[in-house]
C-alpha atoms as a PDB file:
ATOM      1  CA  UNK A   1     271.644  22.330-162.555  1.00  0.00           C
ATOM      2  CA  UNK A   2     268.751  19.965-163.322  1.00  0.00           C
ATOM      3  CA  UNK A   3     269.606  17.844-160.292  1.00  0.00           C
ATOM      4  CA  UNK A   4     269.377  20.865-158.013  1.00  0.00           C
ATOM      5  CA  UNK A   5     265.953  21.859-159.382  1.00  0.00           C
ATOM      6  CA  UNK A   6     264.482  18.374-158.865  1.00  0.00           C
ATOM      7  CA  UNK A   7     265.707  18.271-155.258  1.00  0.00           C
ATOM      8  CA  UNK A   8     264.231  21.697-154.474  1.00  0.00           C
ATOM      9  CA  UNK A   9     260.890  20.628-155.976  1.00  0.00           C
ATOM     10  CA  UNK A  10     260.781  17.593-153.692  1.00  0.00           C
ATOM     11  CA  UNK A  11     260.941  19.876-150.654  1.00  0.00           C
ATOM     12  CA  UNK A  12     258.196  22.203-151.946  1.00  0.00           C
ATOM     13  CA  UNK A  13     255.300  19.753-151.803  1.00  0.00           C
ATOM     14  CA  UNK A  14     251.759  20.680-150.622  1.00  0.00           C
ATOM     15  CA  UNK A  15     249.924  19.347-147.572  1.00  0.00           C
ATOM     16  CA  UNK A  16     249.608  15.612-147.160  1.00  0.00           C
ATOM     17  CA  UNK A  17     246.254  13.887-146.945  1.00  0.00           C
ATOM     18  CA  UNK A  18     246.802  13.280-143.221  1.00  0.00           C
ATOM     19  CA  UNK A  19     247.365  16.985-142.592  1.00  0.00           C
ATOM     20  CA  UNK A  20     244.213  17.900-144.521  1.00  0.00           C
ATOM     21  CA  UNK A  21     242.137  15.338-142.605  1.00  0.00           C
ATOM     22  CA  UNK A  22     243.488  16.566-139.270  1.00  0.00           C
ATOM     23  CA  UNK A  23     242.619  20.156-140.199  1.00  0.00           C
ATOM     24  CA  UNK A  24     239.073  19.083-141.129  1.00  0.00           C
ATOM     25  CA  UNK A  25     238.644  17.258-137.807  1.00  0.00           C
ATOM     26  CA  UNK A  26     239.767  20.343-135.901  1.00  0.00           C
ATOM     27  CA  UNK A  27     237.426  22.632-137.872  1.00  0.00           C
ATOM     28  CA  UNK A  28     234.528  20.196-137.459  1.00  0.00           C
ATOM     29  CA  UNK A  29     235.035  19.986-133.694  1.00  0.00           C
ATOM     30  CA  UNK A  30     235.209  23.770-133.427  1.00  0.00           C
ATOM     31  CA  UNK A  31     232.015  24.071-135.491  1.00  0.00           C
ATOM     32  CA  UNK A  32     230.164  21.638-133.232  1.00  0.00           C
ATOM     33  CA  UNK A  33     231.252  23.548-130.137  1.00  0.00           C
ATOM     34  CA  UNK A  34     229.991  26.824-131.610  1.00  0.00           C
ATOM     35  CA  UNK A  35     226.640  25.252-132.557  1.00  0.00           C
ATOM     36  CA  UNK A  36     226.204  23.748-129.089  1.00  0.00           C
ATOM     37  CA  UNK A  37     226.940  27.094-127.421  1.00  0.00           C
ATOM     38  CA  UNK A  38     224.440  28.872-129.676  1.00  0.00           C
ATOM     39  CA  UNK A  39     221.770  26.253-128.985  1.00  0.00           C
ATOM     40  CA  UNK A  40     222.290  26.525-125.237  1.00  0.00           C
ATOM     41  CA  UNK A  41     222.064  30.327-125.407  1.00  0.00           C
ATOM     42  CA  UNK A  42     218.702  30.073-127.204  1.00  0.00           C
ATOM     43  CA  UNK A  43     217.374  27.637-124.600  1.00  0.00           C
ATOM     44  CA  UNK A  44     218.484  29.936-121.781  1.00  0.00           C
ATOM     45  CA  UNK A  45     216.822  32.911-123.450  1.00  0.00           C
ATOM     46  CA  UNK A  46     213.484  31.089-123.608  1.00  0.00           C
ATOM     47  CA  UNK A  47     213.706  30.037-119.941  1.00  0.00           C
ATOM     48  CA  UNK A  48     214.619  33.555-118.822  1.00  0.00           C
ATOM     49  CA  UNK A  49     211.699  34.992-120.781  1.00  0.00           C
ATOM     50  CA  UNK A  50     209.275  32.573-119.082  1.00  0.00           C
ATOM     51  CA  UNK A  51     210.771  33.370-115.667  1.00  0.00           C
ATOM     52  CA  UNK A  52     210.491  37.121-116.297  1.00  0.00           C
ATOM     53  CA  UNK A  53     206.827  36.818-117.297  1.00  0.00           C
ATOM     54  CA  UNK A  54     206.126  34.713-114.199  1.00  0.00           C
ATOM     55  CA  UNK A  55     207.730  37.307-111.920  1.00  0.00           C
ATOM     56  CA  UNK A  56     205.646  40.076-113.543  1.00  0.00           C
ATOM     57  CA  UNK A  57     202.485  38.083-112.873  1.00  0.00           C
ATOM     58  CA  UNK A  58     203.519  37.472-109.250  1.00  0.00           C
ATOM     59  CA  UNK A  59     204.225  41.178-108.746  1.00  0.00           C
ATOM     60  CA  UNK A  60     200.903  42.134-110.334  1.00  0.00           C
ATOM     61  CA  UNK A  61     198.986  39.668-108.159  1.00  0.00           C
ATOM     62  CA  UNK A  62     200.664  40.969-104.985  1.00  0.00           C
ATOM     63  CA  UNK A  63     199.708  44.535-105.936  1.00  0.00           C
ATOM     64  CA  UNK A  64     196.100  43.430-106.529  1.00  0.00           C
ATOM     65  CA  UNK A  65     195.934  41.617-103.175  1.00  0.00           C
ATOM     66  CA  UNK A  66     197.316  44.634-101.310  1.00  0.00           C
ATOM     67  CA  UNK A  67     194.797  46.920-103.030  1.00  0.00           C
ATOM     68  CA  UNK A  68     191.902  44.617-102.080  1.00  0.00           C
ATOM     69  CA  UNK A  69     192.733  45.197 -98.395  1.00  0.00           C
ATOM     70  CA  UNK A  70     191.365  41.797 -97.386  1.00  0.00           C
ATOM     71  CA  UNK A  71     192.998  39.382 -94.991  1.00  0.00           C
ATOM     72  CA  UNK A  72     194.255  36.414 -97.081  1.00  0.00           C
ATOM     73  CA  UNK A  73     193.323  32.924 -95.922  1.00  0.00           C
ATOM     74  CA  UNK A  74     195.799  30.293 -94.768  1.00  0.00           C
ATOM     75  CA  UNK A  75     194.699  27.836 -97.455  1.00  0.00           C
ATOM     76  CA  UNK A  76     195.932  28.025-101.033  1.00  0.00           C
ATOM     77  CA  UNK A  77     193.761  30.114-103.370  1.00  0.00           C
ATOM     78  CA  UNK A  78     194.410  29.694-107.081  1.00  0.00           C
ATOM     79  CA  UNK A  79     193.305  30.984-110.452  1.00  0.00           C
ATOM     80  CA  UNK A  80     194.597  31.377-113.982  1.00  0.00           C
ATOM     81  CA  UNK A  81     195.437  34.359-116.154  1.00  0.00           C
ATOM     82  CA  UNK A  82     196.258  34.853-119.842  1.00  0.00           C
ATOM     83  CA  UNK A  83     199.516  36.759-120.330  1.00  0.00           C
ATOM     84  CA  UNK A  84     201.799  37.079-123.377  1.00  0.00           C
ATOM     85  CA  UNK A  85     199.822  34.451-125.270  1.00  0.00           C
ATOM     86  CA  UNK A  86     200.250  31.838-122.531  1.00  0.00           C
ATOM     87  CA  UNK A  87     197.915  30.583-119.820  1.00  0.00           C
ATOM     88  CA  UNK A  88     199.522  31.046-116.392  1.00  0.00           C
ATOM     89  CA  UNK A  89     198.426  29.496-113.118  1.00  0.00           C
ATOM     90  CA  UNK A  90     198.976  31.460-109.905  1.00  0.00           C
ATOM     91  CA  UNK A  91     198.223  30.646-106.308  1.00  0.00           C
ATOM     92  CA  UNK A  92     198.711  32.297-102.944  1.00  0.00           C
ATOM     93  CA  UNK A  93     198.344  31.618 -99.244  1.00  0.00           C
ATOM     94  CA  UNK A  94     199.057  33.437 -96.019  1.00  0.00           C
ATOM     95  CA  UNK A  95     201.507  32.168 -93.432  1.00  0.00           C
ATOM     96  CA  UNK A  96     201.236  33.164 -89.766  1.00  0.00           C
ATOM     97  CA  UNK A  97     204.009  35.280 -88.298  1.00  0.00           C
ATOM     98  CA  UNK A  98     205.034  36.042 -84.710  1.00  0.00           C
ATOM     99  CA  UNK A  99     203.003  39.262 -84.828  1.00  0.00           C
ATOM    100  CA  UNK A 100     199.235  38.670 -85.208  1.00  0.00           C
ATOM    101  CA  UNK A 101     198.813  41.991 -87.050  1.00  0.00           C
ATOM    102  CA  UNK A 102     201.022  40.788 -89.952  1.00  0.00           C
ATOM    103  CA  UNK A 103     200.968  37.751 -92.201  1.00  0.00           C
ATOM    104  CA  UNK A 104     203.444  36.496 -94.735  1.00  0.00           C
ATOM    105  CA  UNK A 105     201.940  36.115 -98.174  1.00  0.00           C
ATOM    106  CA  UNK A 106     203.392  33.486-100.524  1.00  0.00           C
ATOM    107  CA  UNK A 107     202.511  33.947-104.197  1.00  0.00           C
ATOM    108  CA  UNK A 108     203.736  31.622-106.935  1.00  0.00           C
ATOM    109  CA  UNK A 109     203.125  31.282-110.669  1.00  0.00           C
ATOM    110  CA  UNK A 110     203.572  28.356-113.057  1.00  0.00           C
ATOM    111  CA  UNK A 111     202.926  27.844-116.756  1.00  0.00           C
ATOM    112  CA  UNK A 112     201.461  24.391-116.009  1.00  0.00           C
ATOM    113  CA  UNK A 113     198.547  23.540-113.750  1.00  0.00           C
ATOM    114  CA  UNK A 114     200.028  22.108-110.551  1.00  0.00           C
ATOM    115  CA  UNK A 115     203.483  22.537-112.102  1.00  0.00           C
ATOM    116  CA  UNK A 116     206.701  23.756-110.555  1.00  0.00           C
ATOM    117  CA  UNK A 117     206.647  27.486-109.814  1.00  0.00           C
ATOM    118  CA  UNK A 118     208.582  29.671-112.235  1.00  0.00           C
ATOM    119  CA  UNK A 119     208.025  32.770-110.109  1.00  0.00           C
ATOM    120  CA  UNK A 120     207.741  33.009-106.325  1.00  0.00           C
ATOM    121  CA  UNK A 121     207.654  35.968-103.934  1.00  0.00           C
ATOM    122  CA  UNK A 122     207.025  36.179-100.203  1.00  0.00           C
ATOM    123  CA  UNK A 123     205.826  39.514 -98.900  1.00  0.00           C
ATOM    124  CA  UNK A 124     204.200  40.737 -95.693  1.00  0.00           C
ATOM    125  CA  UNK A 125     200.780  42.301 -95.300  1.00  0.00           C
ATOM    126  CA  UNK A 126     199.452  44.276 -92.332  1.00  0.00           C
ATOM    127  CA  UNK A 127     195.941  43.700 -91.050  1.00  0.00           C
ATOM    128  CA  UNK A 128     193.536  46.219 -92.610  1.00  0.00           C
END
């Protein structure tokens, strides 16, 4: 009877060190992947917020230009505006079309002076 009990105890051992280390490597890799995904999501959220603000500023500037009822010039006009705690730089110019009574109006906004545009819209304006 004692011989049978010793044999059954040999088969009921716990996890080996190798199995524990492999489990830790798998959990560590999964943890890194989750952290990287969370970090990327936060970066995307910040970029999308900046892009949304830029598009609001572009839309506002287009509305202001249409309300002014002036014919925009073909050269770039620029200015800056404070919005959501950030200084934004916008610029616009008109582009000739096939019909002399209409012009295309390009408006773009950046969060850096002379930087890449975060928001851009082209619209058309009729001669007042």
